[in-house]
Protein backbone atom coordinates (compact mmCIF):
# COMPACT_ATOMS: atom_id res chain seq x y z
CA MET A 1 -28.89 15.71 -30.95
CA LYS A 2 -31.69 13.46 -29.75
CA SER A 3 -33.57 11.22 -32.13
CA ILE A 4 -37.34 11.06 -32.56
CA ALA A 5 -39.11 7.84 -33.50
CA HIS A 6 -42.42 8.62 -35.21
CA VAL A 7 -45.07 5.99 -34.80
CA SER A 8 -48.20 5.87 -36.72
CA ALA A 9 -51.36 3.90 -37.10
CA ALA A 10 -52.44 3.34 -40.59
CA PHE A 11 -56.23 3.42 -40.94
CA LEU A 12 -57.30 3.61 -37.31
CA ALA A 13 -60.67 5.33 -37.29
CA PHE A 14 -64.00 3.95 -38.35
CA ALA A 15 -67.52 4.76 -39.48
CA ALA A 16 -70.36 5.42 -37.10
CA GLY A 17 -73.73 3.77 -36.72
CA PRO A 18 -76.38 3.20 -34.03
CA VAL A 19 -75.46 -0.44 -33.34
CA TRP A 20 -73.17 -3.00 -34.95
CA ALA A 21 -75.95 -4.90 -36.68
CA GLN A 22 -77.45 -1.73 -38.14
CA ALA A 23 -74.38 0.40 -38.77
CA SER A 24 -73.39 -1.15 -42.05
CA SER A 25 -72.75 -4.39 -43.80
CA SER A 26 -69.39 -5.96 -43.01
CA ALA A 27 -68.00 -4.91 -46.39
CA GLU A 28 -69.13 -1.31 -45.97
CA LEU A 29 -67.74 -1.05 -42.46
CA ALA A 30 -64.48 -2.67 -43.56
CA GLN A 31 -64.08 0.04 -46.18
CA GLN A 32 -64.64 2.70 -43.55
CA LEU A 33 -61.68 1.27 -41.65
CA SER A 34 -59.50 2.80 -44.37
CA ASN A 35 -60.52 6.31 -43.27
CA PRO A 36 -58.30 7.62 -40.43
CA ILE A 37 -60.69 10.50 -39.63
CA ALA A 38 -64.06 8.73 -39.72
CA ASP A 39 -66.59 9.10 -36.91
CA LEU A 40 -66.29 6.08 -34.59
CA ILE A 41 -64.62 5.32 -31.26
CA SER A 42 -62.05 2.59 -31.73
CA ALA A 43 -59.21 0.94 -29.82
CA PRO A 44 -56.50 -0.40 -32.13
CA ILE A 45 -53.50 -2.32 -30.81
CA GLN A 46 -50.66 -2.54 -33.32
CA LEU A 47 -47.62 -4.81 -32.80
CA ASN A 48 -44.49 -4.23 -34.91
CA TYR A 49 -41.33 -6.32 -35.08
CA ASP A 50 -38.05 -4.98 -36.51
CA GLU A 51 -34.54 -6.40 -36.56
CA ASN A 52 -30.99 -5.80 -37.84
CA ILE A 53 -30.75 -2.74 -35.58
CA GLY A 54 -27.50 -1.18 -34.39
CA ALA A 55 -23.95 -0.81 -35.68
CA ASP A 56 -23.50 -4.59 -35.99
CA ASP A 57 -27.14 -5.33 -36.96
CA SER A 58 -27.57 -7.55 -33.88
CA GLY A 59 -30.48 -5.71 -32.24
CA SER A 60 -34.21 -6.35 -32.47
CA ARG A 61 -37.30 -4.46 -31.30
CA TRP A 62 -40.98 -5.12 -30.56
CA THR A 63 -43.21 -2.03 -30.49
CA THR A 64 -46.82 -2.26 -29.31
CA ASN A 65 -48.70 0.91 -30.26
CA ILE A 66 -51.83 1.58 -28.20
CA GLN A 67 -53.89 3.88 -30.41
CA PRO A 68 -57.32 5.03 -29.20
CA VAL A 69 -59.32 7.12 -31.68
CA ILE A 70 -62.13 9.29 -30.26
CA PRO A 71 -64.25 11.59 -32.47
CA PHE A 72 -66.18 14.59 -31.16
CA SER A 73 -68.93 16.50 -32.94
CA ILE A 74 -68.39 20.24 -32.38
CA SER A 75 -71.09 21.54 -34.74
CA ASP A 76 -73.51 20.41 -37.42
CA ASP A 77 -70.69 20.62 -39.95
CA TRP A 78 -67.46 19.74 -38.11
CA ASN A 79 -65.87 16.91 -36.16
CA VAL A 80 -62.69 16.84 -34.10
CA ILE A 81 -60.92 13.48 -34.09
CA SER A 82 -58.51 12.75 -31.24
CA ARG A 83 -55.84 10.24 -32.27
CA THR A 84 -53.31 9.02 -29.67
CA ILE A 85 -50.30 6.76 -30.19
CA LEU A 86 -48.57 5.41 -27.07
CA PRO A 87 -45.69 3.00 -27.83
CA VAL A 88 -44.74 0.17 -25.46
CA VAL A 89 -41.26 -0.93 -26.50
CA SER A 90 -39.17 -4.05 -25.89
CA THR A 91 -35.61 -4.21 -27.27
CA ASP A 92 -32.84 -6.77 -27.28
CA GLY A 93 -29.22 -5.98 -28.11
CA ILE A 94 -29.78 -2.21 -28.38
CA PRO A 95 -27.15 -0.86 -27.97
CA SER A 96 -24.94 -3.69 -29.20
CA GLY A 97 -24.05 -6.18 -26.51
CA SER A 98 -26.79 -5.10 -24.10
CA GLY A 99 -29.60 -7.30 -22.91
CA SER A 100 -33.34 -6.84 -23.14
CA LYS A 101 -35.06 -3.62 -22.08
CA GLU A 102 -38.73 -2.68 -21.81
CA GLY A 103 -40.46 0.64 -21.40
CA LEU A 104 -42.63 3.38 -22.89
CA GLY A 105 -41.89 5.58 -25.88
CA ASP A 106 -42.99 9.17 -26.41
CA THR A 107 -46.71 9.71 -27.05
CA VAL A 108 -47.93 11.38 -30.26
CA GLN A 109 -51.28 13.16 -29.76
CA SER A 110 -53.08 14.53 -32.84
CA PHE A 111 -56.33 16.48 -33.23
CA PHE A 112 -57.94 16.63 -36.68
CA PHE A 113 -60.61 19.25 -37.40
CA SER A 114 -62.58 17.66 -40.23
CA PRO A 115 -65.74 18.75 -42.12
CA LYS A 116 -68.53 16.19 -42.03
CA ALA A 117 -69.38 16.72 -45.70
CA LEU A 118 -67.22 15.57 -48.58
CA THR A 119 -65.79 18.09 -51.02
CA SER A 120 -67.43 18.47 -54.43
CA THR A 121 -64.84 16.04 -55.85
CA GLY A 122 -65.47 13.40 -53.15
CA TRP A 123 -62.44 14.03 -50.94
CA THR A 124 -62.45 14.23 -47.15
CA TRP A 125 -59.77 15.99 -45.15
CA GLY A 126 -58.69 17.12 -41.69
CA VAL A 127 -56.04 19.41 -40.21
CA GLY A 128 -54.97 20.36 -36.72
CA PRO A 129 -52.24 20.39 -34.09
CA VAL A 130 -50.00 17.49 -33.12
CA PHE A 131 -48.10 17.18 -29.84
CA LEU A 132 -45.19 15.03 -28.75
CA LEU A 133 -45.46 14.14 -25.05
CA PRO A 134 -42.28 13.05 -23.20
CA THR A 135 -43.59 9.75 -21.83
CA SER A 136 -40.49 7.72 -22.76
CA THR A 137 -38.88 5.84 -19.87
CA ASP A 138 -35.46 5.46 -21.52
CA ASP A 139 -33.56 7.58 -24.04
CA ARG A 140 -33.37 4.62 -26.44
CA PHE A 141 -37.20 4.68 -26.69
CA GLY A 142 -37.74 8.38 -27.42
CA ALA A 143 -36.44 11.93 -27.31
CA GLY A 144 -37.95 12.61 -23.87
CA GLU A 145 -38.88 16.19 -24.82
CA TRP A 146 -42.02 18.17 -25.54
CA GLY A 147 -42.79 18.75 -29.21
CA VAL A 148 -45.48 20.53 -31.20
CA GLY A 149 -46.47 20.87 -34.83
CA LEU A 150 -49.16 20.58 -37.48
CA THR A 151 -50.80 17.50 -38.96
CA GLY A 152 -53.15 16.88 -41.88
CA VAL A 153 -54.83 14.12 -43.84
CA ALA A 154 -56.70 13.92 -47.14
CA LEU A 155 -58.29 10.88 -48.77
CA LYS A 156 -60.87 9.72 -51.28
CA GLN A 157 -62.95 6.55 -51.36
CA GLN A 158 -64.00 5.45 -54.83
CA GLY A 159 -65.61 2.07 -55.35
CA PRO A 160 -63.56 -0.52 -53.43
CA TRP A 161 -60.51 1.79 -53.35
CA THR A 162 -59.28 4.20 -50.70
CA PHE A 163 -56.27 6.40 -51.38
CA GLY A 164 -54.71 9.44 -49.80
CA GLY A 165 -52.07 10.51 -47.32
CA LEU A 166 -51.37 11.72 -43.80
CA ALA A 167 -48.52 14.01 -42.74
CA ASN A 168 -47.17 15.89 -39.75
CA HIS A 169 -44.18 17.99 -38.77
CA ILE A 170 -42.97 18.21 -35.17
CA VAL A 171 -40.33 20.44 -33.58
CA ASP A 172 -39.27 20.63 -29.94
CA VAL A 173 -40.95 23.24 -27.74
CA ASP A 174 -37.81 24.82 -26.30
CA GLY A 175 -36.46 25.72 -29.74
CA ASP A 176 -33.07 23.99 -29.50
CA THR A 177 -33.93 21.88 -32.63
CA ASP A 178 -33.25 18.54 -30.96
CA ILE A 179 -36.51 17.50 -32.63
CA ASN A 180 -37.22 18.57 -36.19
CA ALA A 181 -38.92 15.79 -38.13
CA THR A 182 -41.45 15.35 -40.92
CA PHE A 183 -43.69 12.28 -41.14
CA LEU A 184 -45.33 11.22 -44.45
CA GLN A 185 -47.82 8.37 -44.83
CA PRO A 186 -49.26 7.78 -48.32
CA PHE A 187 -51.71 4.87 -48.40
CA LEU A 188 -53.73 2.73 -50.79
CA ALA A 189 -56.35 0.15 -49.75
CA TYR A 190 -58.63 -2.26 -51.60
CA ASN A 191 -61.75 -3.76 -49.97
CA THR A 192 -63.48 -6.95 -51.09
CA PRO A 193 -67.23 -7.70 -50.79
CA ASN A 194 -66.50 -10.24 -48.01
CA ALA A 195 -64.79 -7.64 -45.77
CA TRP A 196 -61.15 -8.37 -46.54
CA THR A 197 -58.87 -5.34 -46.91
CA PHE A 198 -55.50 -5.24 -48.70
CA THR A 199 -53.39 -2.22 -47.81
CA VAL A 200 -50.02 -0.83 -48.80
CA ASN A 201 -48.55 2.25 -47.18
CA SER A 202 -45.32 3.94 -46.26
CA GLU A 203 -44.58 5.54 -42.89
CA SER A 204 -41.61 7.72 -43.79
CA THR A 205 -39.82 10.08 -41.40
CA TYR A 206 -37.26 12.67 -42.42
CA ASP A 207 -34.99 13.94 -39.63
CA TRP A 208 -33.95 17.46 -40.68
CA GLU A 209 -31.12 17.61 -38.16
CA ALA A 210 -29.51 14.30 -39.10
CA GLU A 211 -30.59 14.72 -42.75
CA GLU A 212 -31.74 11.09 -42.83
CA TRP A 213 -34.80 9.22 -44.09
CA ALA A 214 -36.43 6.23 -42.42
CA VAL A 215 -38.81 4.57 -44.92
CA PRO A 216 -40.67 1.39 -43.96
CA VAL A 217 -43.16 0.10 -46.54
CA ASN A 218 -46.03 -1.97 -45.10
CA PHE A 219 -48.11 -4.65 -46.83
CA ILE A 220 -51.16 -5.55 -44.71
CA VAL A 221 -54.10 -7.95 -45.01
CA SER A 222 -57.00 -7.52 -42.58
CA LYS A 223 -60.43 -9.05 -42.00
CA LEU A 224 -63.45 -7.57 -40.28
CA THR A 225 -65.22 -10.07 -38.03
CA SER A 226 -67.10 -10.29 -34.72
CA PHE A 227 -66.54 -12.10 -31.42
CA GLY A 228 -69.54 -12.40 -29.14
CA GLY A 229 -71.17 -9.44 -30.85
CA GLN A 230 -68.04 -7.28 -30.55
CA PRO A 231 -66.83 -6.10 -34.00
CA VAL A 232 -63.09 -6.41 -34.45
CA SER A 233 -60.60 -6.16 -37.27
CA LEU A 234 -57.68 -8.60 -37.40
CA GLY A 235 -54.65 -7.77 -39.53
CA VAL A 236 -51.23 -9.17 -40.35
CA GLY A 237 -48.54 -7.92 -42.66
CA ALA A 238 -44.90 -7.55 -43.64
CA ARG A 239 -42.81 -4.38 -43.60
CA TYR A 240 -39.70 -3.68 -45.64
CA TRP A 241 -37.22 -0.93 -44.75
CA ALA A 242 -36.50 0.69 -48.10
CA GLU A 243 -34.36 3.31 -46.30
CA SER A 244 -33.15 3.36 -42.71
CA ALA A 245 -31.62 5.95 -40.41
CA THR A 246 -28.16 5.34 -38.93
CA ASN A 247 -28.29 2.18 -36.76
CA GLY A 248 -31.98 1.81 -37.57
CA PRO A 249 -33.85 -1.35 -38.64
CA GLU A 250 -33.04 -2.98 -41.96
CA ASP A 251 -34.58 -5.51 -44.35
CA TRP A 252 -37.89 -7.14 -43.33
CA GLY A 253 -40.13 -6.89 -40.30
CA ALA A 254 -43.70 -7.81 -39.35
CA ARG A 255 -46.93 -6.15 -38.20
CA PHE A 256 -49.97 -7.53 -36.36
CA ILE A 257 -53.13 -5.47 -35.69
CA LEU A 258 -56.13 -6.01 -33.42
CA THR A 259 -58.77 -3.27 -33.54
CA PHE A 260 -61.91 -3.09 -31.41
CA LEU A 261 -64.79 -1.06 -32.89
CA PHE A 262 -67.41 0.77 -30.84
CA PRO A 263 -70.17 2.09 -33.13
CA LYS A 264 -72.31 4.84 -31.64
């Protein structure tokens, strides 16, 4: 059986506006960063560090997720949001006793069909297909097989709070069940009037073949700012592995996020 490493980008899409100065105040735009299916082109780069990997806990891993988010308007009432996650991986001591290794992981490509209007209770949602593309350059970085499934997200923004969840399920295309995994990402974010955001989420994967959970919990602080007129969000956080798959990461890790915003 081949393993699948789900990667995700918490809160990677943003609100739209004609230009940065007119789109929104910093606080309002920072709150929109908590919506993964909002209407704005963005280019997040997420760097994760994990350690205590392998049978003897001697391995470590850096994963840089390149995560462009591109929304498309398909009618007066509906958007389609393209969300791509391409991992660039660097490992040391995986497997035990080996040296460093760099390469690409498998790409996760999602498409969310989302209504532009909120529901009567203030929720927004999106559903659509998700694809696993075999872009991995080494079997330690990904399954190296085609996969397909369904994905969905639902969230509500109330005052300074954003809460909701994202999920997907992917199986391999050829039907031999090498890949059969469910990803769950509940999230909660709080935005301050000066454009700081405090986020907690979990990015849990259940492997139905191995019957194992991998459950990292992330605690992230981010700040919306601007460099030379270019709006960016800078984030840093800690991640704790509450549950880990066999030979997976354990204990604490770290996350760093740089997101470029491109308001319409």
